[in-house]
Amino acid sequence: AGAVTAERTERLGLVDTLKRQLDEVEGALARIEEGTYGVCARCGKEIPAARLEARPESTLCVECKSRT
């Protein structure tokens, strides 16, 4: 019973992670449609292409992200 509970807990964690990632991707797609993709939500500066390539769902530039 303990192994089943542990496996279920692990699966629920994976589901939560995938749900969060999907929400982030959907947010990025919405920003593309709005024309705000690639613009830092905090400072308004352009997010570098290298960051967007590594994390396309990014809403903050590296500088602003490091302050959170």
N, C-alpha and C. Protein backbone atom coordinates (compact mmCIF):
# COMPACT_ATOMS: atom_id res chain seq x y z
N ALA A 1 0.84 -1.19 0.00
CA ALA A 1 0.00 0.00 0.00
C ALA A 1 0.88 1.25 0.00
N GLY A 2 2.00 1.21 0.71
CA GLY A 2 2.90 2.36 0.77
C GLY A 2 3.50 2.68 -0.58
N ALA A 3 3.84 1.63 -1.34
CA ALA A 3 4.43 1.84 -2.67
C ALA A 3 3.41 2.46 -3.62
N VAL A 4 2.17 2.03 -3.50
CA VAL A 4 1.10 2.58 -4.35
C VAL A 4 0.88 4.05 -4.02
N THR A 5 0.89 4.37 -2.75
CA THR A 5 0.71 5.76 -2.33
C THR A 5 1.87 6.63 -2.81
N ALA A 6 3.09 6.13 -2.70
CA ALA A 6 4.26 6.87 -3.15
C ALA A 6 4.20 7.10 -4.66
N GLU A 7 3.82 6.08 -5.40
CA GLU A 7 3.72 6.21 -6.86
C GLU A 7 2.64 7.22 -7.23
N ARG A 8 1.53 7.17 -6.54
CA ARG A 8 0.44 8.10 -6.82
C ARG A 8 0.87 9.54 -6.52
N THR A 9 1.57 9.72 -5.43
CA THR A 9 2.06 11.05 -5.06
C THR A 9 3.02 11.58 -6.12
N GLU A 10 3.89 10.70 -6.60
CA GLU A 10 4.84 11.09 -7.65
C GLU A 10 4.10 11.49 -8.92
N ARG A 11 3.11 10.73 -9.30
CA ARG A 11 2.34 11.03 -10.51
C ARG A 11 1.60 12.36 -10.37
N LEU A 12 1.03 12.61 -9.20
CA LEU A 12 0.32 13.87 -8.99
C LEU A 12 1.28 15.05 -9.09
N GLY A 13 2.50 14.86 -8.59
CA GLY A 13 3.52 15.90 -8.72
C GLY A 13 3.86 16.16 -10.18
N LEU A 14 3.97 15.11 -10.96
CA LEU A 14 4.26 15.25 -12.39
C LEU A 14 3.12 15.95 -13.11
N VAL A 15 1.89 15.62 -12.75
CA VAL A 15 0.73 16.26 -13.36
C VAL A 15 0.74 17.75 -13.04
N ASP A 16 1.03 18.10 -11.80
CA ASP A 16 1.09 19.52 -11.42
C ASP A 16 2.17 20.25 -12.20
N THR A 17 3.33 19.63 -12.36
CA THR A 17 4.43 20.24 -13.11
C THR A 17 4.04 20.45 -14.57
N LEU A 18 3.43 19.44 -15.18
CA LEU A 18 3.01 19.55 -16.58
C LEU A 18 1.93 20.61 -16.74
N LYS A 19 1.02 20.70 -15.81
CA LYS A 19 -0.04 21.71 -15.86
C LYS A 19 0.56 23.11 -15.80
N ARG A 20 1.53 23.32 -14.90
CA ARG A 20 2.19 24.62 -14.78
C ARG A 20 2.92 24.97 -16.08
N GLN A 21 3.62 23.99 -16.66
CA GLN A 21 4.33 24.23 -17.91
C GLN A 21 3.38 24.57 -19.04
N LEU A 22 2.25 23.89 -19.11
CA LEU A 22 1.25 24.17 -20.12
C LEU A 22 0.70 25.58 -19.95
N ASP A 23 0.44 25.98 -18.72
CA ASP A 23 -0.04 27.34 -18.45
C ASP A 23 0.99 28.37 -18.91
N GLU A 24 2.27 28.11 -18.67
CA GLU A 24 3.33 29.03 -19.08
C GLU A 24 3.42 29.13 -20.60
N VAL A 25 3.30 28.01 -21.29
CA VAL A 25 3.34 28.02 -22.76
C VAL A 25 2.12 28.75 -23.32
N GLU A 26 0.96 28.50 -22.75
CA GLU A 26 -0.25 29.20 -23.21
C GLU A 26 -0.12 30.70 -22.97
N GLY A 27 0.51 31.08 -21.87
CA GLY A 27 0.75 32.50 -21.60
C GLY A 27 1.67 33.10 -22.65
N ALA A 28 2.72 32.36 -23.03
CA ALA A 28 3.64 32.83 -24.06
C ALA A 28 2.92 33.00 -25.39
N LEU A 29 2.07 32.05 -25.73
CA LEU A 29 1.31 32.15 -26.98
C LEU A 29 0.38 33.37 -26.96
N ALA A 30 -0.22 33.64 -25.81
CA ALA A 30 -1.09 34.81 -25.68
C ALA A 30 -0.27 36.10 -25.85
N ARG A 31 0.93 36.14 -25.29
CA ARG A 31 1.78 37.32 -25.44
C ARG A 31 2.21 37.51 -26.90
N ILE A 32 2.41 36.41 -27.61
CA ILE A 32 2.73 36.51 -29.05
C ILE A 32 1.57 37.18 -29.77
N GLU A 33 0.35 36.73 -29.49
CA GLU A 33 -0.83 37.31 -30.13
C GLU A 33 -1.01 38.78 -29.77
N GLU A 34 -0.66 39.15 -28.52
CA GLU A 34 -0.81 40.54 -28.07
C GLU A 34 0.32 41.44 -28.57
N GLY A 35 1.40 40.81 -29.03
CA GLY A 35 2.55 41.58 -29.47
C GLY A 35 3.49 41.98 -28.35
N THR A 36 3.35 41.32 -27.19
CA THR A 36 4.21 41.64 -26.04
C THR A 36 5.22 40.55 -25.73
N TYR A 37 5.28 39.54 -26.56
CA TYR A 37 6.24 38.44 -26.33
C TYR A 37 7.65 38.97 -26.46
N GLY A 38 8.49 38.58 -25.52
CA GLY A 38 9.89 38.99 -25.56
C GLY A 38 10.16 40.31 -24.85
N VAL A 39 9.13 40.86 -24.21
CA VAL A 39 9.28 42.09 -23.45
C VAL A 39 9.14 41.75 -21.98
N CYS A 40 10.09 42.20 -21.17
CA CYS A 40 10.08 41.91 -19.74
C CYS A 40 8.83 42.52 -19.09
N ALA A 41 8.11 41.71 -18.35
CA ALA A 41 6.89 42.16 -17.69
C ALA A 41 7.16 43.13 -16.55
N ARG A 42 8.39 43.17 -16.07
CA ARG A 42 8.71 44.06 -14.95
C ARG A 42 9.32 45.38 -15.42
N CYS A 43 10.38 45.32 -16.21
CA CYS A 43 11.10 46.55 -16.57
C CYS A 43 10.76 47.06 -17.97
N GLY A 44 10.14 46.21 -18.81
CA GLY A 44 9.75 46.63 -20.15
C GLY A 44 10.84 46.53 -21.19
N LYS A 45 12.03 46.08 -20.78
CA LYS A 45 13.11 45.92 -21.74
C LYS A 45 12.94 44.62 -22.52
N GLU A 46 13.61 44.54 -23.64
CA GLU A 46 13.56 43.33 -24.46
C GLU A 46 14.28 42.18 -23.75
N ILE A 47 13.66 41.02 -23.76
CA ILE A 47 14.30 39.82 -23.20
C ILE A 47 15.24 39.29 -24.27
N PRO A 48 16.51 39.05 -23.93
CA PRO A 48 17.48 38.58 -24.93
C PRO A 48 17.03 37.28 -25.60
N ALA A 49 17.36 37.17 -26.88
CA ALA A 49 16.97 36.00 -27.67
C ALA A 49 17.51 34.71 -27.06
N ALA A 50 18.71 34.75 -26.50
CA ALA A 50 19.28 33.54 -25.90
C ALA A 50 18.43 33.04 -24.75
N ARG A 51 17.90 33.97 -23.95
CA ARG A 51 17.02 33.56 -22.84
C ARG A 51 15.73 32.96 -23.37
N LEU A 52 15.16 33.59 -24.38
CA LEU A 52 13.91 33.07 -24.94
C LEU A 52 14.13 31.73 -25.63
N GLU A 53 15.31 31.54 -26.19
CA GLU A 53 15.61 30.24 -26.80
C GLU A 53 15.69 29.15 -25.73
N ALA A 54 16.30 29.49 -24.61
CA ALA A 54 16.44 28.52 -23.52
C ALA A 54 15.12 28.30 -22.78
N ARG A 55 14.38 29.39 -22.58
CA ARG A 55 13.11 29.33 -21.84
C ARG A 55 12.09 30.19 -22.57
N PRO A 56 11.45 29.65 -23.61
CA PRO A 56 10.53 30.44 -24.43
C PRO A 56 9.36 31.04 -23.66
N GLU A 57 9.05 30.48 -22.51
CA GLU A 57 7.92 30.97 -21.73
C GLU A 57 8.28 32.11 -20.78
N SER A 58 9.55 32.55 -20.82
CA SER A 58 10.03 33.59 -19.91
C SER A 58 9.21 34.87 -20.02
N THR A 59 8.91 35.46 -18.86
CA THR A 59 8.22 36.74 -18.82
C THR A 59 9.12 37.84 -18.28
N LEU A 60 10.28 37.45 -17.73
CA LEU A 60 11.21 38.41 -17.15
C LEU A 60 12.59 38.28 -17.79
N CYS A 61 13.29 39.41 -17.91
CA CYS A 61 14.65 39.36 -18.37
C CYS A 61 15.50 38.75 -17.24
N VAL A 62 16.73 38.41 -17.54
CA VAL A 62 17.60 37.76 -16.55
C VAL A 62 17.80 38.67 -15.34
N GLU A 63 18.01 39.94 -15.57
CA GLU A 63 18.24 40.88 -14.47
C GLU A 63 17.04 40.91 -13.51
N CYS A 64 15.84 41.04 -14.05
CA CYS A 64 14.65 41.09 -13.20
C CYS A 64 14.39 39.74 -12.52
N LYS A 65 14.63 38.68 -13.25
CA LYS A 65 14.43 37.34 -12.66
C LYS A 65 15.38 37.11 -11.49
N SER A 66 16.59 37.62 -11.59
CA SER A 66 17.57 37.42 -10.52
C SER A 66 17.19 38.18 -9.26
N ARG A 67 16.32 39.18 -9.39
CA ARG A 67 15.88 39.96 -8.23
C ARG A 67 14.68 39.33 -7.52
N THR A 68 14.09 38.31 -8.08
CA THR A 68 12.92 37.69 -7.43
C THR A 68 13.30 36.67 -6.41
